Protein backbone atom coordinates (compact mmCIF):
# COMPACT_ATOMS: atom_id res chain seq x y z
CA MET A 1 72.08 79.50 -39.25
CA ILE A 2 74.17 78.00 -42.38
CA SER A 3 77.34 79.64 -43.32
CA GLU A 4 77.88 81.22 -46.81
CA LYS A 5 80.12 78.02 -47.38
CA ASP A 6 77.26 76.53 -47.22
CA LEU A 7 74.73 78.53 -48.73
CA GLN A 8 77.70 78.05 -51.36
CA GLU A 9 77.52 74.74 -51.77
CA PHE A 10 73.59 74.18 -51.84
CA GLU A 11 73.83 77.10 -54.95
CA ASP A 12 76.33 74.87 -57.13
CA LEU A 13 74.24 71.50 -56.88
CA ASP A 14 71.03 70.58 -59.34
CA LEU A 15 67.62 70.88 -59.10
CA TYR A 16 66.89 67.12 -57.96
CA GLU A 17 69.91 67.60 -55.04
CA LYS A 18 69.05 70.58 -53.58
CA VAL A 19 64.67 68.70 -53.76
CA SER A 20 66.90 66.04 -51.94
CA ARG A 21 68.36 68.37 -49.64
CA ILE A 22 65.32 70.63 -48.72
CA GLU A 23 63.01 67.95 -48.04
CA SER A 24 65.47 65.70 -45.24
CA ARG A 25 65.83 69.11 -43.53
CA LEU A 26 62.65 69.10 -43.42
CA LYS A 27 61.53 65.61 -42.13
CA GLU A 28 63.82 66.53 -38.96
CA LYS A 29 61.33 69.56 -38.59
CA LYS A 30 58.44 69.46 -36.12
CA ASP A 31 57.50 73.13 -37.78
CA PRO A 32 58.72 74.18 -41.11
CA LYS A 33 58.96 77.41 -42.17
CA PRO A 34 56.36 79.02 -44.53
CA PHE A 35 59.36 79.96 -46.07
CA GLU A 36 60.93 77.13 -46.30
CA LEU A 37 57.60 74.94 -48.00
CA GLY A 38 57.85 77.90 -50.60
CA MET A 39 61.71 77.38 -51.52
CA LEU A 40 60.99 73.60 -51.40
CA LEU A 41 57.35 73.38 -53.66
CA ALA A 42 59.01 76.51 -56.08
CA LEU A 43 62.21 73.51 -56.68
CA LYS A 44 59.27 70.79 -57.64
CA MET A 45 57.81 73.48 -59.77
CA ALA A 46 60.87 73.72 -61.06
CA ILE A 47 61.31 70.64 -61.89
CA GLU A 48 57.84 70.73 -63.70
CA ILE A 49 58.50 72.86 -65.70
CA ARG A 50 62.25 71.33 -66.61
CA GLU A 51 60.29 68.01 -67.79
CA ASN A 52 57.55 69.09 -69.45
CA LYS A 53 54.87 68.74 -66.88
CA GLU A 54 51.66 70.28 -66.26
CA LEU A 55 52.41 72.07 -63.62
CA GLY A 56 51.16 71.21 -60.62
CA SER A 57 50.67 67.51 -61.72
CA GLU A 58 53.00 66.75 -58.60
CA SER A 59 53.41 69.99 -57.05
CA ALA A 60 49.46 69.49 -56.00
CA VAL A 61 49.80 66.39 -54.56
CA LEU A 62 52.70 67.89 -52.36
CA VAL A 63 50.60 70.97 -50.98
CA ALA A 64 47.51 68.85 -50.61
CA LYS A 65 49.59 66.46 -48.12
CA TRP A 66 50.77 70.42 -45.98
CA ALA A 67 47.12 71.41 -46.23
CA GLU A 68 46.85 68.22 -43.99
CA GLN A 69 49.54 68.39 -42.06
CA TYR A 70 49.63 72.72 -41.25
CA PRO A 71 47.47 75.09 -40.43
CA GLU A 72 45.78 76.75 -43.60
CA TYR A 73 47.63 79.92 -43.19
CA VAL A 74 51.78 78.14 -43.00
CA VAL A 75 50.32 76.61 -46.24
CA GLU A 76 48.94 80.23 -47.93
CA GLU A 77 52.05 81.42 -46.55
CA ALA A 78 54.21 78.73 -48.78
CA ILE A 79 52.27 79.59 -51.85
CA THR A 80 53.28 83.40 -51.90
CA SER A 81 56.83 82.28 -51.44
CA ALA A 82 56.99 79.60 -53.78
CA LYS A 83 55.50 82.11 -56.54
CA ASP A 84 57.87 84.71 -55.55
CA PHE A 85 61.03 82.55 -56.13
CA LEU A 86 59.83 82.02 -59.59
CA LEU A 87 58.99 85.09 -60.25
CA HIS A 88 61.15 87.12 -58.44
CA SER A 89 63.75 84.90 -57.69
CA THR A 90 67.28 87.34 -57.70
CA SER A 91 65.16 89.86 -56.13
CA LEU A 92 65.35 87.26 -52.64
CA VAL A 93 68.77 86.39 -51.90
CA GLY A 94 68.98 88.37 -49.29
CA LYS A 95 66.40 87.53 -47.61
CA ILE A 96 67.42 83.94 -48.51
CA LYS A 97 70.79 84.46 -46.82
CA GLU A 98 69.58 87.04 -44.24
CA THR A 99 67.21 83.69 -43.32
CA LEU A 100 69.78 80.74 -43.54
CA VAL A 101 72.22 82.73 -42.94
CA GLY A 102 72.11 85.19 -40.70
CA GLY A 103 72.61 88.02 -43.25
CA ALA A 104 75.87 90.83 -42.96
CA LYS A 105 72.93 94.02 -42.35
CA LYS A 106 72.71 96.81 -44.75
CA ASP A 107 74.46 99.19 -42.74
CA ASP A 108 77.32 96.40 -43.00
CA PRO A 109 80.09 97.76 -45.00
CA SER A 110 82.02 94.38 -44.71
CA ALA A 111 78.66 92.72 -46.23
CA GLU A 112 79.55 94.31 -49.63
């Protein structure tokens, strides 16, 4: 788990630094979670959009590489997560905190 401070520091990074940080963390893992891969894919796609590149021009290569490394369900879930990040990013904040930080329980008044 990471701390709230770590999460805030991550949020303050630019897109390129976020990609670099996630890539280095994923290199350390044998079996990354689809959610983690999806986060990376969403950031890669955001960079493509920011740089006015055709969507998928680089991120599709990443997905093809994953298809060779991981089971199909992992890749499919990663793609779904990436779509959610791009389309519903604000609603995923709680899920990210729960996954990465351990998140406070909804019933916990100190969580606010």
